[in-house]
Amino acid sequence: MANASIQKIEKKGDSKGSNLFAGLAMIICIVVGILVWKFIMGHPSNFVDNNPEGEPEQGNYLAMVYKGGYVVPVLMGLFLMSVVFSIERLLVISKAAGKGNVETFVRKVQNQITAGNINEAIAECDKQQGTVANVVRAGLMKYEEVKREGFDSERAEAAIQQEIEEATSLEMPMLEKNLVIISTLVSIGTLMGLLGTVTGMIKAFSALGAGSTPDSAQLANGISEALINTATGISTSTLAIIAYNSFTSKIDKLTYSIDEAGFAITQTYRRFRARANNA
């Protein structure tokens, strides 16, 4: 229990650090998006007569994106958030998987547990490291404890299962951290893209209604703004939803591996008690 308390304190500290990282990352991404839009895409050399208020140079896509309006830097910031948090989750989940293939590790541990080689199984956990190995190791240590105390099968199974659940509750939240941000970006990216589309179409229709002769340049700018914002919003949402589904799938696989190993531990103890009772 003392070790569990220490782990909870450590996880709480990690959580505060993760929250700080998330907040700073979102602010920095928005600021970078604004700076890129203003000073790189909006650089005078990208426009006819070096005038950012004028027409883009022929084939200059940076200037075309700049003409997408004030929604563009926000969308760029959201896109950068999708990239940053996807990379951050990829690193965390890869580290959680440990040093080797998780499925191979689980098979090795299951074989060692089934053979009754608990110390060898613990050694495999120490070599693998990562979330799955930590949880399985906690279950194996509990197995050794209940075995020494001579628990019956039902009490031992409940104790081992509780230990695995407690270890999982300490490990899994860090894997799921920031996934809510990625899932939120799916919706926000679409909505911000739609907002930019609407503002662009408003400008386009305003150009159509400007007197008897529509302003073709203003009409083209309005349509361009609408399409640019639509494309950027779709790109942001697409990246976010692919990343979210990929990471949830990886986390589900890790959880399934923990369940497999936990089942092997409890079944091994049942066989151990059955042999002890028959002896």
Protein backbone atom coordinates (compact mmCIF):
# COMPACT_ATOMS: atom_id res chain seq x y z
CA MET A 1 0.00 0.00 0.00
CA ALA A 2 2.90 2.36 0.73
CA ASN A 3 4.28 1.75 -2.75
CA ALA A 4 0.84 2.43 -4.22
CA SER A 5 0.64 5.73 -2.34
CA ILE A 6 4.08 6.75 -3.62
CA GLN A 7 3.04 5.85 -7.17
CA LYS A 8 -0.13 7.93 -6.86
CA ILE A 9 1.89 10.95 -5.70
CA GLU A 10 4.28 10.50 -8.64
CA LYS A 11 1.40 10.16 -11.11
CA LYS A 12 -0.22 13.30 -9.68
CA GLY A 13 3.01 15.20 -10.28
CA ASP A 14 3.20 13.83 -13.82
CA SER A 15 -0.41 14.90 -14.40
CA LYS A 16 0.32 18.49 -13.37
CA GLY A 17 3.33 18.57 -15.70
CA SER A 18 1.22 17.15 -18.53
CA ASN A 19 -1.49 19.77 -17.98
CA LEU A 20 1.12 22.53 -18.09
CA PHE A 21 2.54 21.08 -21.31
CA ALA A 22 -0.92 20.92 -22.89
CA GLY A 23 -1.73 24.53 -21.99
CA LEU A 24 1.60 25.88 -23.24
CA ALA A 25 1.44 23.77 -26.41
CA MET A 26 -2.00 25.14 -27.35
CA ILE A 27 -0.94 28.76 -26.78
CA ILE A 28 2.33 28.32 -28.70
CA CYS A 29 0.57 26.63 -31.63
CA ILE A 30 -1.92 29.49 -31.98
CA VAL A 31 0.87 32.09 -31.73
CA VAL A 32 2.98 30.26 -34.32
CA GLY A 33 -0.05 30.03 -36.63
CA ILE A 34 -0.62 33.79 -36.37
CA LEU A 35 3.07 34.61 -36.93
CA VAL A 36 3.36 32.33 -39.97
CA TRP A 37 0.17 33.76 -41.46
CA LYS A 38 1.15 37.37 -40.85
CA PHE A 39 4.87 37.45 -41.58
CA ILE A 40 5.50 34.54 -43.96
CA MET A 41 2.30 34.17 -45.94
CA GLY A 42 1.57 37.88 -45.72
CA HIS A 43 5.07 38.98 -46.71
CA PRO A 44 4.89 41.80 -49.30
CA SER A 45 7.07 39.85 -51.78
CA ASN A 46 4.20 37.39 -52.23
CA PHE A 47 1.93 40.05 -53.70
CA VAL A 48 1.69 42.21 -56.80
CA ASP A 49 3.44 45.57 -56.25
CA ASN A 50 4.57 44.32 -52.80
CA ASN A 51 1.13 45.18 -51.47
CA PRO A 52 -0.43 42.59 -49.11
CA GLU A 53 -3.78 44.26 -49.65
CA GLY A 54 -3.53 43.66 -53.38
CA GLU A 55 -3.57 40.56 -55.54
CA PRO A 56 -1.26 37.55 -54.97
CA GLU A 57 1.57 36.94 -57.40
CA GLN A 58 0.66 34.45 -60.11
CA GLY A 59 0.88 30.93 -58.65
CA ASN A 60 1.96 32.13 -55.18
CA TYR A 61 0.08 29.75 -52.88
CA LEU A 62 1.31 31.38 -49.67
CA ALA A 63 -0.36 34.62 -50.67
CA MET A 64 -3.51 32.75 -51.70
CA VAL A 65 -3.74 31.14 -48.26
CA TYR A 66 -3.09 34.53 -46.64
CA LYS A 67 -6.12 35.86 -48.48
CA GLY A 68 -8.19 33.26 -46.64
CA GLY A 69 -8.76 35.83 -43.91
CA TYR A 70 -8.43 35.95 -40.14
CA VAL A 71 -9.80 32.46 -39.62
CA VAL A 72 -6.77 30.95 -41.38
CA PRO A 73 -4.21 31.57 -38.57
CA VAL A 74 -6.59 30.01 -36.06
CA LEU A 75 -7.02 26.97 -38.30
CA MET A 76 -3.25 26.75 -38.75
CA GLY A 77 -2.86 26.81 -34.97
CA LEU A 78 -5.41 24.00 -34.64
CA PHE A 79 -3.61 21.99 -37.32
CA LEU A 80 -0.32 22.45 -35.46
CA MET A 81 -2.04 21.28 -32.25
CA SER A 82 -3.15 18.12 -34.03
CA VAL A 83 0.44 17.47 -35.12
CA VAL A 84 2.00 18.28 -31.73
CA PHE A 85 -0.42 16.24 -29.63
CA SER A 86 -0.32 13.35 -32.10
CA ILE A 87 3.47 13.20 -31.81
CA GLU A 88 3.28 13.54 -28.01
CA ARG A 89 0.76 10.69 -27.69
CA LEU A 90 2.74 8.55 -30.12
CA LEU A 91 5.87 8.90 -27.97
CA VAL A 92 4.01 8.21 -24.72
CA ILE A 93 2.10 5.16 -26.02
CA SER A 94 5.22 3.76 -27.71
CA LYS A 95 7.10 4.08 -24.42
CA ALA A 96 4.19 2.44 -22.59
CA ALA A 97 4.41 -0.58 -24.89
CA GLY A 98 7.90 -1.25 -23.56
CA LYS A 99 11.15 -2.26 -25.22
CA GLY A 100 9.87 -5.14 -27.31
CA ASN A 101 6.76 -6.40 -29.04
CA VAL A 102 3.87 -6.48 -26.55
CA GLU A 103 2.25 -9.61 -28.00
CA THR A 104 5.54 -11.50 -27.89
CA PHE A 105 6.09 -10.36 -24.31
CA VAL A 106 2.61 -11.49 -23.24
CA ARG A 107 3.13 -14.93 -24.83
CA LYS A 108 6.47 -15.35 -23.03
CA VAL A 109 4.95 -14.33 -19.70
CA GLN A 110 1.96 -16.61 -20.20
CA ASN A 111 4.26 -19.55 -20.94
CA GLN A 112 6.38 -18.83 -17.86
CA ILE A 113 3.29 -18.40 -15.65
CA THR A 114 1.67 -21.58 -16.96
CA ALA A 115 4.91 -23.47 -16.23
CA GLY A 116 4.92 -22.02 -12.72
CA ASN A 117 8.10 -20.02 -13.33
CA ILE A 118 6.93 -16.84 -11.60
CA ASN A 119 10.42 -15.45 -11.00
CA GLU A 120 11.26 -15.87 -14.68
CA ALA A 121 8.00 -14.12 -15.59
CA ILE A 122 8.91 -11.21 -13.28
CA ALA A 123 12.33 -11.05 -14.95
CA GLU A 124 10.61 -10.79 -18.35
CA CYS A 125 8.59 -7.86 -16.99
CA ASP A 126 11.77 -6.15 -15.81
CA LYS A 127 13.29 -6.54 -19.27
CA GLN A 128 10.20 -5.36 -21.14
CA GLN A 129 9.31 -2.38 -18.93
CA GLY A 130 6.40 -0.15 -19.96
CA THR A 131 2.78 -0.03 -18.81
CA VAL A 132 1.79 -3.63 -19.57
CA ALA A 133 4.94 -5.01 -17.91
CA ASN A 134 4.41 -2.84 -14.81
CA VAL A 135 0.82 -4.01 -14.37
CA VAL A 136 1.68 -7.67 -14.98
CA ARG A 137 4.59 -7.44 -12.55
CA ALA A 138 2.25 -6.05 -9.88
CA GLY A 139 -0.06 -9.02 -10.44
CA LEU A 140 2.81 -11.49 -10.22
CA MET A 141 4.09 -9.95 -6.99
CA LYS A 142 0.59 -10.27 -5.56
CA TYR A 143 0.51 -13.89 -6.74
CA GLU A 144 3.66 -14.62 -4.73
CA GLU A 145 2.15 -12.88 -1.70
CA VAL A 146 -1.15 -14.79 -1.70
CA LYS A 147 0.74 -18.02 -2.37
CA ARG A 148 2.86 -17.50 0.76
CA GLU A 149 -0.24 -16.70 2.82
CA GLY A 150 -2.11 -19.72 1.49
CA PHE A 151 -5.24 -17.97 0.21
CA ASP A 152 -7.98 -20.13 -1.25
CA SER A 153 -8.67 -19.80 -4.97
CA GLU A 154 -11.53 -17.30 -4.71
CA ARG A 155 -9.78 -14.98 -2.25
CA ALA A 156 -6.53 -15.17 -4.23
CA GLU A 157 -8.27 -14.44 -7.52
CA ALA A 158 -10.03 -11.42 -6.00
CA ALA A 159 -6.79 -10.13 -4.45
CA ILE A 160 -4.78 -10.56 -7.66
CA GLN A 161 -7.52 -8.99 -9.76
CA GLN A 162 -7.76 -6.03 -7.39
CA GLU A 163 -3.99 -5.53 -7.53
CA ILE A 164 -4.03 -5.59 -11.33
CA GLU A 165 -6.94 -3.13 -11.43
CA GLU A 166 -5.16 -0.76 -9.03
CA ALA A 167 -1.95 -0.93 -11.06
CA THR A 168 -3.94 -0.35 -14.26
CA SER A 169 -5.72 2.65 -12.73
CA LEU A 170 -2.30 4.19 -12.05
CA GLU A 171 -0.89 3.50 -15.51
CA MET A 172 -3.77 3.96 -17.97
CA PRO A 173 -4.77 7.61 -17.28
CA MET A 174 -1.39 8.78 -18.56
CA LEU A 175 -2.01 6.91 -21.83
CA GLU A 176 -5.41 8.54 -22.29
CA LYS A 177 -4.15 12.00 -21.33
CA ASN A 178 -4.64 14.63 -24.07
CA LEU A 179 -6.73 12.28 -26.20
CA VAL A 180 -9.71 14.46 -25.29
CA ILE A 181 -7.87 17.41 -26.87
CA ILE A 182 -7.34 15.46 -30.10
CA SER A 183 -10.99 14.38 -30.18
CA THR A 184 -12.08 17.99 -29.57
CA LEU A 185 -9.91 19.18 -32.45
CA VAL A 186 -11.95 16.93 -34.76
CA SER A 187 -15.06 19.04 -34.09
CA ILE A 188 -13.37 22.42 -33.69
CA GLY A 189 -11.42 22.03 -36.94
CA THR A 190 -14.62 21.33 -38.86
CA LEU A 191 -16.54 24.17 -37.20
CA MET A 192 -13.75 26.74 -37.69
CA GLY A 193 -13.43 25.67 -41.33
CA LEU A 194 -17.19 26.12 -41.72
CA LEU A 195 -16.96 29.56 -40.09
CA GLY A 196 -14.27 30.58 -42.59
CA THR A 197 -16.40 29.21 -45.42
CA VAL A 198 -19.39 31.28 -44.31
CA THR A 199 -17.38 34.50 -43.96
CA GLY A 200 -15.86 33.95 -47.40
CA MET A 201 -19.26 33.38 -48.99
CA ILE A 202 -20.60 36.50 -47.28
CA LYS A 203 -17.83 38.50 -48.95
CA ALA A 204 -18.53 36.81 -52.29
CA PHE A 205 -22.24 37.61 -52.18
CA SER A 206 -21.47 41.15 -51.06
CA ALA A 207 -19.36 41.55 -54.19
CA LEU A 208 -22.22 40.23 -56.32
CA GLY A 209 -24.62 42.73 -54.81
CA ALA A 210 -22.30 45.73 -55.14
CA GLY A 211 -24.08 47.86 -57.72
CA SER A 212 -24.96 46.87 -61.25
CA THR A 213 -21.47 45.57 -62.02
CA PRO A 214 -20.15 42.89 -59.61
CA ASP A 215 -16.62 43.37 -58.32
CA SER A 216 -14.94 40.32 -59.88
CA ALA A 217 -11.79 40.64 -57.78
CA GLN A 218 -13.77 40.82 -54.53
CA LEU A 219 -15.94 37.93 -55.68
CA ALA A 220 -12.87 35.80 -56.42
CA ASN A 221 -11.31 36.69 -53.05
CA GLY A 222 -14.50 35.73 -51.20
CA ILE A 223 -14.76 32.36 -52.94
CA SER A 224 -11.03 31.75 -52.43
CA GLU A 225 -11.34 32.52 -48.70
CA ALA A 226 -14.26 30.11 -48.38
CA LEU A 227 -12.45 27.26 -50.13
CA ILE A 228 -9.13 27.80 -48.31
CA ASN A 229 -10.82 27.70 -44.91
CA THR A 230 -12.83 24.64 -45.90
CA ALA A 231 -9.69 22.78 -47.00
CA THR A 232 -7.72 23.74 -43.87
CA GLY A 233 -10.57 22.77 -41.54
CA ILE A 234 -11.02 19.40 -43.26
CA SER A 235 -7.26 18.74 -43.08
CA THR A 236 -7.19 19.48 -39.35
CA SER A 237 -10.18 17.28 -38.61
CA THR A 238 -8.87 14.44 -40.79
CA LEU A 239 -5.49 14.36 -39.07
CA ALA A 240 -7.09 14.56 -35.61
CA ILE A 241 -9.61 11.76 -36.20
CA ILE A 242 -6.98 9.43 -37.72
CA ALA A 243 -4.67 10.07 -34.75
CA TYR A 244 -7.48 9.61 -32.21
CA ASN A 245 -8.69 6.32 -33.67
CA SER A 246 -5.13 5.02 -33.99
CA PHE A 247 -4.23 5.81 -30.38
CA THR A 248 -7.46 4.44 -28.90
CA SER A 249 -6.84 1.24 -30.86
CA LYS A 250 -3.30 0.97 -29.44
CA ILE A 251 -4.58 1.59 -25.89
CA ASP A 252 -7.27 -1.07 -26.33
CA LYS A 253 -4.57 -3.52 -27.46
CA LEU A 254 -2.49 -2.77 -24.35
CA THR A 255 -5.56 -3.24 -22.13
CA TYR A 256 -6.33 -6.55 -23.80
CA SER A 257 -2.75 -7.70 -23.20
CA ILE A 258 -3.09 -6.86 -19.50
CA ASP A 259 -6.35 -8.83 -19.30
CA GLU A 260 -4.72 -11.83 -20.99
CA ALA A 261 -1.81 -11.87 -18.57
CA GLY A 262 -4.08 -11.32 -15.56
CA PHE A 263 -6.26 -14.25 -16.58
CA ALA A 264 -3.17 -16.46 -16.90
CA ILE A 265 -2.03 -15.50 -13.40
CA THR A 266 -5.36 -16.31 -11.74
CA GLN A 267 -5.74 -19.58 -13.62
CA THR A 268 -2.24 -20.64 -12.60
CA TYR A 269 -3.08 -20.01 -8.96
CA ARG A 270 -6.24 -22.10 -9.29
CA ARG A 271 -4.17 -25.01 -10.61
CA PHE A 272 -1.64 -24.51 -7.82
CA ARG A 273 -4.38 -24.70 -5.16
CA ALA A 274 -5.97 -27.70 -6.84
CA ARG A 275 -2.66 -29.61 -6.74
CA ALA A 276 -2.10 -28.55 -3.11
CA ASN A 277 -5.57 -29.78 -2.09
CA ASN A 278 -5.11 -33.11 -3.87
CA ALA A 279 -1.70 -33.71 -2.34
